[in-house]
Amino acid sequence: MPVDVGETLVAYLRRRPNSEHRNVFLRAQAPYIGVTPSAINYVVRYACIRAGIPFFGPHRLRHSLATDMLRNGATLVEIGQVLRHRSVESTVIYAKVDDIALRPLALPWPGGAQ
C-alpha cells in the first residue's frame, strides 16, 4: 500500500464515528453501520460523473489493482490477501491477463508457424 494511502486510511480511522461494526468504512450518518455494496456502487458512479468519464463498476477498480500489482511483481498470494480472497484459485484469474508475462511460458507452435 502506498504510504499516502496508508496515512489517509489511518486518519480516517482515527476520526470515524465509534461503532460496534468491524467494517473499515461506515455510513456518514447514524446508524453507523458498514457501507453496502450499493453505496460503493453509487460512490464510484458519482466519481465517474465528476471526472467526466463513462461509468464503470467497482469491480473494475479491484481488477485494475490486481493486474497492476501483478505487473509490479506482487505474487498471487499477496494479491489474494489484498483482495481478501479465501483461496488462491480465486486470484489465479489475474495471471491470465498479463499476456507479456505469460509469453515465455507458451510452447512453440507445432511446425514453427506463428
PDB file of N, CA and C in Angstrom:
ATOM      1  N   MET A   1       0.851  -1.169   0.000  1.00  0.00           N
ATOM      2  CA  MET A   1       0.000   0.000   0.000  1.00  0.00           C
ATOM      3  C   MET A   1       0.903   1.240   0.000  1.00  0.00           C
ATOM      4  N   PRO A   2       0.634   2.184  -0.884  1.00  0.00           N
ATOM      5  CA  PRO A   2       1.440   3.408  -0.879  1.00  0.00           C
ATOM      6  C   PRO A   2       1.308   4.140   0.452  1.00  0.00           C
ATOM      7  N   VAL A   3       2.366   4.805   0.862  1.00  0.00           N
ATOM      8  CA  VAL A   3       2.405   5.492   2.152  1.00  0.00           C
ATOM      9  C   VAL A   3       1.279   6.503   2.286  1.00  0.00           C
ATOM     10  N   ASP A   4       1.033   7.290   1.238  1.00  0.00           N
ATOM     11  CA  ASP A   4      -0.012   8.316   1.338  1.00  0.00           C
ATOM     12  C   ASP A   4      -1.395   7.696   1.522  1.00  0.00           C
ATOM     13  N   VAL A   5      -1.619   6.550   0.902  1.00  0.00           N
ATOM     14  CA  VAL A   5      -2.907   5.862   1.075  1.00  0.00           C
ATOM     15  C   VAL A   5      -3.035   5.351   2.510  1.00  0.00           C
ATOM     16  N   GLY A   6      -1.963   4.760   3.025  1.00  0.00           N
ATOM     17  CA  GLY A   6      -1.970   4.282   4.406  1.00  0.00           C
ATOM     18  C   GLY A   6      -2.204   5.396   5.405  1.00  0.00           C
ATOM     19  N   GLU A   7      -1.541   6.530   5.191  1.00  0.00           N
ATOM     20  CA  GLU A   7      -1.718   7.669   6.089  1.00  0.00           C
ATOM     21  C   GLU A   7      -3.144   8.203   6.045  1.00  0.00           C
ATOM     22  N   THR A   8      -3.729   8.256   4.863  1.00  0.00           N
ATOM     23  CA  THR A   8      -5.110   8.720   4.718  1.00  0.00           C
ATOM     24  C   THR A   8      -6.073   7.764   5.409  1.00  0.00           C
ATOM     25  N   LEU A   9      -5.827   6.474   5.269  1.00  0.00           N
ATOM     26  CA  LEU A   9      -6.676   5.471   5.916  1.00  0.00           C
ATOM     27  C   LEU A   9      -6.586   5.573   7.436  1.00  0.00           C
ATOM     28  N   VAL A  10      -5.395   5.738   7.971  1.00  0.00           N
ATOM     29  CA  VAL A  10      -5.219   5.897   9.413  1.00  0.00           C
ATOM     30  C   VAL A  10      -5.943   7.147   9.903  1.00  0.00           C
ATOM     31  N   ALA A  11      -5.821   8.250   9.171  1.00  0.00           N
ATOM     32  CA  ALA A  11      -6.500   9.491   9.559  1.00  0.00           C
ATOM     33  C   ALA A  11      -8.010   9.284   9.586  1.00  0.00           C
ATOM     34  N   TYR A  12      -8.538   8.567   8.603  1.00  0.00           N
ATOM     35  CA  TYR A  12      -9.982   8.288   8.573  1.00  0.00           C
ATOM     36  C   TYR A  12     -10.392   7.452   9.783  1.00  0.00           C
ATOM     37  N   LEU A  13      -9.629   6.410  10.064  1.00  0.00           N
ATOM     38  CA  LEU A  13      -9.979   5.518  11.173  1.00  0.00           C
ATOM     39  C   LEU A  13      -9.946   6.245  12.515  1.00  0.00           C
ATOM     40  N   ARG A  14      -9.086   7.225  12.646  1.00  0.00           N
ATOM     41  CA  ARG A  14      -8.995   7.977  13.901  1.00  0.00           C
ATOM     42  C   ARG A  14     -10.178   8.918  14.104  1.00  0.00           C
ATOM     43  N   ARG A  15     -10.794   9.377  13.018  1.00  0.00           N
ATOM     44  CA  ARG A  15     -11.886  10.352  13.165  1.00  0.00           C
ATOM     45  C   ARG A  15     -13.268   9.775  12.889  1.00  0.00           C
ATOM     46  N   ARG A  16     -13.342   8.540  12.431  1.00  0.00           N
ATOM     47  CA  ARG A  16     -14.649   7.984  12.121  1.00  0.00           C
ATOM     48  C   ARG A  16     -15.450   7.752  13.397  1.00  0.00           C
ATOM     49  N   PRO A  17     -16.764   7.697  13.292  1.00  0.00           N
ATOM     50  CA  PRO A  17     -17.600   7.512  14.486  1.00  0.00           C
ATOM     51  C   PRO A  17     -17.333   6.153  15.132  1.00  0.00           C
ATOM     52  N   ASN A  18     -17.525   6.088  16.445  1.00  0.00           N
ATOM     53  CA  ASN A  18     -17.414   4.812  17.142  1.00  0.00           C
ATOM     54  C   ASN A  18     -18.546   3.912  16.686  1.00  0.00           C
ATOM     55  N   SER A  19     -18.215   2.651  16.512  1.00  0.00           N
ATOM     56  CA  SER A  19     -19.226   1.697  16.074  1.00  0.00           C
ATOM     57  C   SER A  19     -18.816   0.304  16.500  1.00  0.00           C
ATOM     58  N   GLU A  20     -19.804  -0.531  16.748  1.00  0.00           N
ATOM     59  CA  GLU A  20     -19.513  -1.926  17.082  1.00  0.00           C
ATOM     60  C   GLU A  20     -19.233  -2.745  15.821  1.00  0.00           C
ATOM     61  N   HIS A  21     -19.485  -2.162  14.666  1.00  0.00           N
ATOM     62  CA  HIS A  21     -19.258  -2.861  13.403  1.00  0.00           C
ATOM     63  C   HIS A  21     -17.774  -2.842  13.061  1.00  0.00           C
ATOM     64  N   ARG A  22     -17.295  -3.960  12.516  1.00  0.00           N
ATOM     65  CA  ARG A  22     -15.869  -4.099  12.202  1.00  0.00           C
ATOM     66  C   ARG A  22     -15.521  -3.613  10.799  1.00  0.00           C
ATOM     67  N   ASN A  23     -16.503  -3.196  10.031  1.00  0.00           N
ATOM     68  CA  ASN A  23     -16.220  -2.687   8.688  1.00  0.00           C
ATOM     69  C   ASN A  23     -15.270  -1.495   8.784  1.00  0.00           C
ATOM     70  N   VAL A  24     -14.393  -1.373   7.809  1.00  0.00           N
ATOM     71  CA  VAL A  24     -13.486  -0.227   7.789  1.00  0.00           C
ATOM     72  C   VAL A  24     -14.269   1.041   7.497  1.00  0.00           C
ATOM     73  N   PHE A  25     -15.123   0.996   6.478  1.00  0.00           N
ATOM     74  CA  PHE A  25     -15.862   2.183   6.084  1.00  0.00           C
ATOM     75  C   PHE A  25     -17.296   2.098   6.590  1.00  0.00           C
ATOM     76  N   LEU A  26     -17.705   3.167   7.258  1.00  0.00           N
ATOM     77  CA  LEU A  26     -19.043   3.238   7.835  1.00  0.00           C
ATOM     78  C   LEU A  26     -19.848   4.322   7.143  1.00  0.00           C
ATOM     79  N   ARG A  27     -21.174   4.209   7.269  1.00  0.00           N
ATOM     80  CA  ARG A  27     -22.039   5.270   6.774  1.00  0.00           C
ATOM     81  C   ARG A  27     -21.677   6.578   7.463  1.00  0.00           C
ATOM     82  N   ALA A  28     -21.899   7.685   6.784  1.00  0.00           N
ATOM     83  CA  ALA A  28     -21.560   9.000   7.336  1.00  0.00           C
ATOM     84  C   ALA A  28     -22.601   9.488   8.330  1.00  0.00           C
ATOM     85  N   GLN A  29     -23.799   8.870   8.318  1.00  0.00           N
ATOM     86  CA  GLN A  29     -24.874   9.267   9.222  1.00  0.00           C
ATOM     87  C   GLN A  29     -25.328   8.044  10.018  1.00  0.00           C
ATOM     88  N   ALA A  30     -25.841   8.293  11.208  1.00  0.00           N
ATOM     89  CA  ALA A  30     -26.339   7.206  12.050  1.00  0.00           C
ATOM     90  C   ALA A  30     -27.491   6.499  11.350  1.00  0.00           C
ATOM     91  N   PRO A  31     -27.648   5.223  11.521  1.00  0.00           N
ATOM     92  CA  PRO A  31     -26.797   4.336  12.326  1.00  0.00           C
ATOM     93  C   PRO A  31     -25.474   4.065  11.621  1.00  0.00           C
ATOM     94  N   TYR A  32     -24.388   4.043  12.386  1.00  0.00           N
ATOM     95  CA  TYR A  32     -23.048   3.878  11.827  1.00  0.00           C
ATOM     96  C   TYR A  32     -22.762   2.397  11.596  1.00  0.00           C
ATOM     97  N   ILE A  33     -23.224   1.944  10.449  1.00  0.00           N
ATOM     98  CA  ILE A  33     -23.012   0.559  10.042  1.00  0.00           C
ATOM     99  C   ILE A  33     -22.129   0.562   8.796  1.00  0.00           C
ATOM    100  N   GLY A  34     -21.636  -0.601   8.429  1.00  0.00           N
ATOM    101  CA  GLY A  34     -20.788  -0.692   7.251  1.00  0.00           C
ATOM    102  C   GLY A  34     -21.517  -0.265   5.993  1.00  0.00           C
ATOM    103  N   VAL A  35     -20.772   0.340   5.077  1.00  0.00           N
ATOM    104  CA  VAL A  35     -21.391   0.741   3.814  1.00  0.00           C
ATOM    105  C   VAL A  35     -21.795  -0.505   3.033  1.00  0.00           C
ATOM    106  N   THR A  36     -22.829  -0.378   2.260  1.00  0.00           N
ATOM    107  CA  THR A  36     -23.358  -1.507   1.486  1.00  0.00           C
ATOM    108  C   THR A  36     -22.728  -1.523   0.098  1.00  0.00           C
ATOM    109  N   PRO A  37     -22.800  -2.661  -0.597  1.00  0.00           N
ATOM    110  CA  PRO A  37     -22.312  -2.699  -1.976  1.00  0.00           C
ATOM    111  C   PRO A  37     -22.980  -1.648  -2.868  1.00  0.00           C
ATOM    112  N   SER A  38     -24.269  -1.394  -2.647  1.00  0.00           N
ATOM    113  CA  SER A  38     -24.928  -0.384  -3.481  1.00  0.00           C
ATOM    114  C   SER A  38     -24.393   1.014  -3.190  1.00  0.00           C
ATOM    115  N   ALA A  39     -24.000   1.279  -1.959  1.00  0.00           N
ATOM    116  CA  ALA A  39     -23.410   2.572  -1.626  1.00  0.00           C
ATOM    117  C   ALA A  39     -22.054   2.732  -2.315  1.00  0.00           C
ATOM    118  N   ILE A  40     -21.276   1.667  -2.343  1.00  0.00           N
ATOM    119  CA  ILE A  40     -19.983   1.713  -3.025  1.00  0.00           C
ATOM    120  C   ILE A  40     -20.191   1.939  -4.520  1.00  0.00           C
ATOM    121  N   ASN A  41     -21.177   1.267  -5.080  1.00  0.00           N
ATOM    122  CA  ASN A  41     -21.508   1.456  -6.490  1.00  0.00           C
ATOM    123  C   ASN A  41     -21.868   2.913  -6.767  1.00  0.00           C
ATOM    124  N   TYR A  42     -22.644   3.529  -5.883  1.00  0.00           N
ATOM    125  CA  TYR A  42     -23.027   4.929  -6.030  1.00  0.00           C
ATOM    126  C   TYR A  42     -21.801   5.835  -5.973  1.00  0.00           C
ATOM    127  N   VAL A  43     -20.903   5.589  -5.035  1.00  0.00           N
ATOM    128  CA  VAL A  43     -19.700   6.419  -4.895  1.00  0.00           C
ATOM    129  C   VAL A  43     -18.859   6.357  -6.168  1.00  0.00           C
ATOM    130  N   VAL A  44     -18.684   5.153  -6.716  1.00  0.00           N
ATOM    131  CA  VAL A  44     -17.909   5.009  -7.948  1.00  0.00           C
ATOM    132  C   VAL A  44     -18.613   5.716  -9.101  1.00  0.00           C
ATOM    133  N   ARG A  45     -19.930   5.552  -9.198  1.00  0.00           N
ATOM    134  CA  ARG A  45     -20.695   6.217 -10.262  1.00  0.00           C
ATOM    135  C   ARG A  45     -20.550   7.737 -10.165  1.00  0.00           C
ATOM    136  N   TYR A  46     -20.682   8.276  -8.951  1.00  0.00           N
ATOM    137  CA  TYR A  46     -20.577   9.720  -8.756  1.00  0.00           C
ATOM    138  C   TYR A  46     -19.167  10.207  -9.096  1.00  0.00           C
ATOM    139  N   ALA A  47     -18.143   9.425  -8.733  1.00  0.00           N
ATOM    140  CA  ALA A  47     -16.763   9.806  -9.067  1.00  0.00           C
ATOM    141  C   ALA A  47     -16.553   9.824 -10.579  1.00  0.00           C
ATOM    142  N   CYS A  48     -17.157   8.879 -11.283  1.00  0.00           N
ATOM    143  CA  CYS A  48     -17.058   8.864 -12.750  1.00  0.00           C
ATOM    144  C   CYS A  48     -17.716  10.101 -13.348  1.00  0.00           C
ATOM    145  N   ILE A  49     -18.875  10.457 -12.828  1.00  0.00           N
ATOM    146  CA  ILE A  49     -19.577  11.649 -13.317  1.00  0.00           C
ATOM    147  C   ILE A  49     -18.721  12.888 -13.083  1.00  0.00           C
ATOM    148  N   ARG A  50     -18.176  13.038 -11.867  1.00  0.00           N
ATOM    149  CA  ARG A  50     -17.332  14.200 -11.557  1.00  0.00           C
ATOM    150  C   ARG A  50     -16.093  14.244 -12.429  1.00  0.00           C
ATOM    151  N   ALA A  51     -15.541  13.075 -12.777  1.00  0.00           N
ATOM    152  CA  ALA A  51     -14.333  13.027 -13.605  1.00  0.00           C
ATOM    153  C   ALA A  51     -14.649  13.157 -15.091  1.00  0.00           C
ATOM    154  N   GLY A  52     -15.946  13.093 -15.434  1.00  0.00           N
ATOM    155  CA  GLY A  52     -16.340  13.212 -16.834  1.00  0.00           C
ATOM    156  C   GLY A  52     -15.973  11.995 -17.668  1.00  0.00           C
ATOM    157  N   ILE A  53     -15.978  10.820 -17.053  1.00  0.00           N
ATOM    158  CA  ILE A  53     -15.647   9.590 -17.775  1.00  0.00           C
ATOM    159  C   ILE A  53     -16.850   8.655 -17.750  1.00  0.00           C
ATOM    160  N   PRO A  54     -16.922   7.727 -18.700  1.00  0.00           N
ATOM    161  CA  PRO A  54     -18.039   6.775 -18.695  1.00  0.00           C
ATOM    162  C   PRO A  54     -18.034   5.941 -17.412  1.00  0.00           C
ATOM    163  N   PHE A  55     -19.221   5.597 -16.959  1.00  0.00           N
ATOM    164  CA  PHE A  55     -19.365   4.835 -15.727  1.00  0.00           C
ATOM    165  C   PHE A  55     -18.769   3.442 -15.873  1.00  0.00           C
ATOM    166  N   PHE A  56     -18.122   3.001 -14.823  1.00  0.00           N
ATOM    167  CA  PHE A  56     -17.713   1.603 -14.683  1.00  0.00           C
ATOM    168  C   PHE A  56     -17.959   1.205 -13.237  1.00  0.00           C
ATOM    169  N   GLY A  57     -18.060  -0.069 -13.003  1.00  0.00           N
ATOM    170  CA  GLY A  57     -18.379  -0.558 -11.667  1.00  0.00           C
ATOM    171  C   GLY A  57     -17.163  -0.698 -10.769  1.00  0.00           C
ATOM    172  N   PRO A  58     -17.398  -0.871  -9.475  1.00  0.00           N
ATOM    173  CA  PRO A  58     -16.317  -1.007  -8.507  1.00  0.00           C
ATOM    174  C   PRO A  58     -15.429  -2.225  -8.765  1.00  0.00           C
ATOM    175  N   HIS A  59     -15.989  -3.260  -9.391  1.00  0.00           N
ATOM    176  CA  HIS A  59     -15.178  -4.449  -9.643  1.00  0.00           C
ATOM    177  C   HIS A  59     -13.999  -4.118 -10.555  1.00  0.00           C
ATOM    178  N   ARG A  60     -14.180  -3.172 -11.473  1.00  0.00           N
ATOM    179  CA  ARG A  60     -13.074  -2.807 -12.357  1.00  0.00           C
ATOM    180  C   ARG A  60     -11.913  -2.220 -11.550  1.00  0.00           C
ATOM    181  N   LEU A  61     -12.214  -1.517 -10.465  1.00  0.00           N
ATOM    182  CA  LEU A  61     -11.151  -0.982  -9.621  1.00  0.00           C
ATOM    183  C   LEU A  61     -10.352  -2.122  -8.980  1.00  0.00           C
ATOM    184  N   ARG A  62     -11.056  -3.145  -8.505  1.00  0.00           N
ATOM    185  CA  ARG A  62     -10.366  -4.303  -7.926  1.00  0.00           C
ATOM    186  C   ARG A  62      -9.524  -5.003  -8.982  1.00  0.00           C
ATOM    187  N   HIS A  63     -10.091  -5.169 -10.161  1.00  0.00           N
ATOM    188  CA  HIS A  63      -9.398  -5.847 -11.250  1.00  0.00           C
ATOM    189  C   HIS A  63      -8.154  -5.049 -11.655  1.00  0.00           C
ATOM    190  N   SER A  64      -8.290  -3.738 -11.777  1.00  0.00           N
ATOM    191  CA  SER A  64      -7.161  -2.886 -12.146  1.00  0.00           C
ATOM    192  C   SER A  64      -6.059  -2.947 -11.096  1.00  0.00           C
ATOM    193  N   LEU A  65      -6.447  -2.923  -9.832  1.00  0.00           N
ATOM    194  CA  LEU A  65      -5.465  -3.033  -8.756  1.00  0.00           C
ATOM    195  C   LEU A  65      -4.703  -4.345  -8.852  1.00  0.00           C
ATOM    196  N   ALA A  66      -5.435  -5.436  -9.036  1.00  0.00           N
ATOM    197  CA  ALA A  66      -4.799  -6.759  -9.085  1.00  0.00           C
ATOM    198  C   ALA A  66      -3.836  -6.878 -10.263  1.00  0.00           C
ATOM    199  N   THR A  67      -4.239  -6.429 -11.434  1.00  0.00           N
ATOM    200  CA  THR A  67      -3.357  -6.543 -12.598  1.00  0.00           C
ATOM    201  C   THR A  67      -2.148  -5.616 -12.459  1.00  0.00           C
ATOM    202  N   ASP A  68      -2.340  -4.446 -11.855  1.00  0.00           N
ATOM    203  CA  ASP A  68      -1.208  -3.543 -11.633  1.00  0.00           C
ATOM    204  C   ASP A  68      -0.233  -4.150 -10.628  1.00  0.00           C
ATOM    205  N   MET A  69      -0.748  -4.755  -9.569  1.00  0.00           N
ATOM    206  CA  MET A  69       0.121  -5.416  -8.596  1.00  0.00           C
ATOM    207  C   MET A  69       0.904  -6.541  -9.251  1.00  0.00           C
ATOM    208  N   LEU A  70       0.236  -7.313 -10.098  1.00  0.00           N
ATOM    209  CA  LEU A  70       0.886  -8.424 -10.788  1.00  0.00           C
ATOM    210  C   LEU A  70       2.016  -7.911 -11.680  1.00  0.00           C
ATOM    211  N   ARG A  71       1.742  -6.868 -12.429  1.00  0.00           N
ATOM    212  CA  ARG A  71       2.771  -6.296 -13.321  1.00  0.00           C
ATOM    213  C   ARG A  71       3.959  -5.738 -12.550  1.00  0.00           C
ATOM    214  N   ASN A  72       3.722  -5.344 -11.304  1.00  0.00           N
ATOM    215  CA  ASN A  72       4.798  -4.781 -10.481  1.00  0.00           C
ATOM    216  C   ASN A  72       5.459  -5.812  -9.575  1.00  0.00           C
ATOM    217  N   GLY A  73       5.194  -7.088  -9.843  1.00  0.00           N
ATOM    218  CA  GLY A  73       5.925  -8.143  -9.154  1.00  0.00           C
ATOM    219  C   GLY A  73       5.271  -8.755  -7.939  1.00  0.00           C
ATOM    220  N   ALA A  74       4.062  -8.373  -7.602  1.00  0.00           N
ATOM    221  CA  ALA A  74       3.393  -8.996  -6.462  1.00  0.00           C
ATOM    222  C   ALA A  74       3.049 -10.442  -6.795  1.00  0.00           C
ATOM    223  N   THR A  75       3.072 -11.290  -5.790  1.00  0.00           N
ATOM    224  CA  THR A  75       2.701 -12.687  -6.001  1.00  0.00           C
ATOM    225  C   THR A  75       1.184 -12.816  -5.961  1.00  0.00           C
ATOM    226  N   LEU A  76       0.693 -13.933  -6.469  1.00  0.00           N
ATOM    227  CA  LEU A  76      -0.752 -14.174  -6.420  1.00  0.00           C
ATOM    228  C   LEU A  76      -1.241 -14.269  -4.982  1.00  0.00           C
ATOM    229  N   VAL A  77      -0.412 -14.790  -4.099  1.00  0.00           N
ATOM    230  CA  VAL A  77      -0.794 -14.868  -2.684  1.00  0.00           C
ATOM    231  C   VAL A  77      -0.962 -13.457  -2.111  1.00  0.00           C
ATOM    232  N   GLU A  78      -0.020 -12.564  -2.421  1.00  0.00           N
ATOM    233  CA  GLU A  78      -0.114 -11.181  -1.936  1.00  0.00           C
ATOM    234  C   GLU A  78      -1.349 -10.487  -2.492  1.00  0.00           C
ATOM    235  N   ILE A  79      -1.606 -10.681  -3.776  1.00  0.00           N
ATOM    236  CA  ILE A  79      -2.785 -10.065  -4.399  1.00  0.00           C
ATOM    237  C   ILE A  79      -4.052 -10.604  -3.751  1.00  0.00           C
ATOM    238  N   GLY A  80      -4.101 -11.898  -3.536  1.00  0.00           N
ATOM    239  CA  GLY A  80      -5.260 -12.513  -2.889  1.00  0.00           C
ATOM    240  C   GLY A  80      -5.498 -11.966  -1.489  1.00  0.00           C
ATOM    241  N   GLN A  81      -4.419 -11.685  -0.759  1.00  0.00           N
ATOM    242  CA  GLN A  81      -4.564 -11.122   0.587  1.00  0.00           C
ATOM    243  C   GLN A  81      -5.161  -9.721   0.525  1.00  0.00           C
ATOM    244  N   VAL A  82      -4.689  -8.907  -0.426  1.00  0.00           N
ATOM    245  CA  VAL A  82      -5.216  -7.547  -0.560  1.00  0.00           C
ATOM    246  C   VAL A  82      -6.689  -7.578  -0.955  1.00  0.00           C
ATOM    247  N   LEU A  83      -7.041  -8.490  -1.873  1.00  0.00           N
ATOM    248  CA  LEU A  83      -8.426  -8.580  -2.339  1.00  0.00           C
ATOM    249  C   LEU A  83      -9.308  -9.397  -1.397  1.00  0.00           C
ATOM    250  N   ARG A  84      -8.696  -9.970  -0.378  1.00  0.00           N
ATOM    251  CA  ARG A  84      -9.387 -10.788   0.631  1.00  0.00           C
ATOM    252  C   ARG A  84     -10.033 -12.024   0.022  1.00  0.00           C
ATOM    253  N   HIS A  85      -9.317 -12.645  -0.921  1.00  0.00           N
ATOM    254  CA  HIS A  85      -9.782 -13.913  -1.466  1.00  0.00           C
ATOM    255  C   HIS A  85      -9.528 -15.015  -0.452  1.00  0.00           C
ATOM    256  N   ARG A  86     -10.411 -15.987  -0.404  1.00  0.00           N
ATOM    257  CA  ARG A  86     -10.248 -17.101   0.539  1.00  0.00           C
ATOM    258  C   ARG A  86      -9.303 -18.167   0.019  1.00  0.00           C
ATOM    259  N   SER A  87      -9.166 -18.234  -1.293  1.00  0.00           N
ATOM    260  CA  SER A  87      -8.248 -19.225  -1.863  1.00  0.00           C
ATOM    261  C   SER A  87      -7.521 -18.611  -3.045  1.00  0.00           C
ATOM    262  N   VAL A  88      -6.329 -19.162  -3.312  1.00  0.00           N
ATOM    263  CA  VAL A  88      -5.515 -18.642  -4.417  1.00  0.00           C
ATOM    264  C   VAL A  88      -6.195 -18.911  -5.758  1.00  0.00           C
ATOM    265  N   GLU A  89      -7.067 -19.906  -5.815  1.00  0.00           N
ATOM    266  CA  GLU A  89      -7.787 -20.195  -7.063  1.00  0.00           C
ATOM    267  C   GLU A  89      -8.634 -18.998  -7.505  1.00  0.00           C
ATOM    268  N   SER A  90      -9.110 -18.227  -6.561  1.00  0.00           N
ATOM    269  CA  SER A  90      -9.882 -17.029  -6.911  1.00  0.00           C
ATOM    270  C   SER A  90      -8.999 -15.943  -7.505  1.00  0.00           C
ATOM    271  N   THR A  91      -7.730 -15.971  -7.166  1.00  0.00           N
ATOM    272  CA  THR A  91      -6.793 -14.942  -7.609  1.00  0.00           C
ATOM    273  C   THR A  91      -6.129 -15.307  -8.929  1.00  0.00           C
ATOM    274  N   VAL A  92      -6.089 -16.585  -9.254  1.00  0.00           N
ATOM    275  CA  VAL A  92      -5.390 -17.070 -10.449  1.00  0.00           C
ATOM    276  C   VAL A  92      -5.918 -16.412 -11.725  1.00  0.00           C
ATOM    277  N   ILE A  93      -7.177 -15.996 -11.728  1.00  0.00           N
ATOM    278  CA  ILE A  93      -7.737 -15.396 -12.947  1.00  0.00           C
ATOM    279  C   ILE A  93      -6.948 -14.172 -13.394  1.00  0.00           C
ATOM    280  N   TYR A  94      -6.260 -13.503 -12.463  1.00  0.00           N
ATOM    281  CA  TYR A  94      -5.495 -12.314 -12.826  1.00  0.00           C
ATOM    282  C   TYR A  94      -4.193 -12.671 -13.532  1.00  0.00           C
ATOM    283  N   ALA A  95      -3.716 -13.887 -13.393  1.00  0.00           N
ATOM    284  CA  ALA A  95      -2.473 -14.301 -14.055  1.00  0.00           C
ATOM    285  C   ALA A  95      -2.657 -14.351 -15.561  1.00  0.00           C
ATOM    286  N   LYS A  96      -3.839 -14.723 -16.026  1.00  0.00           N
ATOM    287  CA  LYS A  96      -4.055 -14.853 -17.468  1.00  0.00           C
ATOM    288  C   LYS A  96      -4.140 -13.506 -18.172  1.00  0.00           C
ATOM    289  N   VAL A  97      -4.292 -12.427 -17.432  1.00  0.00           N
ATOM    290  CA  VAL A  97      -4.450 -11.102 -18.022  1.00  0.00           C
ATOM    291  C   VAL A  97      -3.134 -10.573 -18.564  1.00  0.00           C
ATOM    292  N   ASP A  98      -2.025 -10.920 -17.941  1.00  0.00           N
ATOM    293  CA  ASP A  98      -0.729 -10.362 -18.304  1.00  0.00           C
ATOM    294  C   ASP A  98      -0.093 -11.186 -19.422  1.00  0.00           C
ATOM    295  N   ASP A  99      -0.504 -10.899 -20.666  1.00  0.00           N
ATOM    296  CA  ASP A  99      -0.023 -11.650 -21.828  1.00  0.00           C
ATOM    297  C   ASP A  99       1.490 -11.606 -21.972  1.00  0.00           C
ATOM    298  N   ILE A 100       2.082 -10.465 -21.716  1.00  0.00           N
ATOM    299  CA  ILE A 100       3.533 -10.323 -21.876  1.00  0.00           C
ATOM    300  C   ILE A 100       4.271 -11.234 -20.911  1.00  0.00           C
ATOM    301  N   ALA A 101       3.818 -11.289 -19.666  1.00  0.00           N
ATOM    302  CA  ALA A 101       4.471 -12.149 -18.676  1.00  0.00           C
ATOM    303  C   ALA A 101       4.261 -13.628 -18.985  1.00  0.00           C
ATOM    304  N   LEU A 102       3.157 -13.950 -19.676  1.00  0.00           N
ATOM    305  CA  LEU A 102       2.865 -15.349 -19.994  1.00  0.00           C
ATOM    306  C   LEU A 102       3.587 -15.842 -21.244  1.00  0.00           C
ATOM    307  N   ARG A 103       4.051 -14.958 -22.104  1.00  0.00           N
ATOM    308  CA  ARG A 103       4.695 -15.366 -23.364  1.00  0.00           C
ATOM    309  C   ARG A 103       5.844 -16.343 -23.172  1.00  0.00           C
ATOM    310  N   PRO A 104       6.749 -16.136 -22.219  1.00  0.00           N
ATOM    311  CA  PRO A 104       7.849 -17.093 -22.065  1.00  0.00           C
ATOM    312  C   PRO A 104       7.377 -18.496 -21.678  1.00  0.00           C
ATOM    313  N   LEU A 105       6.163 -18.609 -21.171  1.00  0.00           N
ATOM    314  CA  LEU A 105       5.639 -19.908 -20.759  1.00  0.00           C
ATOM    315  C   LEU A 105       4.989 -20.669 -21.908  1.00  0.00           C
ATOM    316  N   ALA A 106       4.682 -19.977 -22.999  1.00  0.00           N
ATOM    317  CA  ALA A 106       3.988 -20.594 -24.122  1.00  0.00           C
ATOM    318  C   ALA A 106       4.922 -21.540 -24.875  1.00  0.00           C
ATOM    319  N   LEU A 107       4.399 -22.674 -25.257  1.00  0.00           N
ATOM    320  CA  LEU A 107       5.175 -23.632 -26.057  1.00  0.00           C
ATOM    321  C   LEU A 107       5.199 -23.188 -27.519  1.00  0.00           C
ATOM    322  N   PRO A 108       6.269 -23.520 -28.234  1.00  0.00           N
ATOM    323  CA  PRO A 108       6.313 -23.159 -29.654  1.00  0.00           C
ATOM    324  C   PRO A 108       5.188 -23.849 -30.402  1.00  0.00           C
ATOM    325  N   TRP A 109       4.666 -23.173 -31.437  1.00  0.00           N
ATOM    326  CA  TRP A 109       3.594 -23.732 -32.247  1.00  0.00           C
ATOM    327  C   TRP A 109       4.167 -24.893 -33.086  1.00  0.00           C
ATOM    328  N   PRO A 110       3.445 -26.006 -33.181  1.00  0.00           N
ATOM    329  CA  PRO A 110       3.946 -27.158 -33.954  1.00  0.00           C
ATOM    330  C   PRO A 110       4.270 -26.749 -35.394  1.00  0.00           C
ATOM    331  N   GLY A 111       5.405 -27.183 -35.882  1.00  0.00           N
ATOM    332  CA  GLY A 111       5.822 -26.875 -37.242  1.00  0.00           C
ATOM    333  C   GLY A 111       6.480 -25.512 -37.385  1.00  0.00           C
ATOM    334  N   GLY A 112       6.630 -24.759 -36.294  1.00  0.00           N
ATOM    335  CA  GLY A 112       7.299 -23.479 -36.333  1.00  0.00           C
ATOM    336  C   GLY A 112       6.451 -22.312 -36.785  1.00  0.00           C
ATOM    337  N   ALA A 113       5.189 -22.527 -37.138  1.00  0.00           N
ATOM    338  CA  ALA A 113       4.306 -21.436 -37.564  1.00  0.00           C
ATOM    339  C   ALA A 113       3.955 -20.562 -36.371  1.00  0.00           C
ATOM    340  N   GLN A 114       3.631 -19.308 -36.657  1.00  0.00           N
ATOM    341  CA  GLN A 114       3.263 -18.398 -35.564  1.00  0.00           C
ATOM    342  C   GLN A 114       1.822 -17.976 -35.676  1.00  0.00           C
TER     343      GLN A 114
END
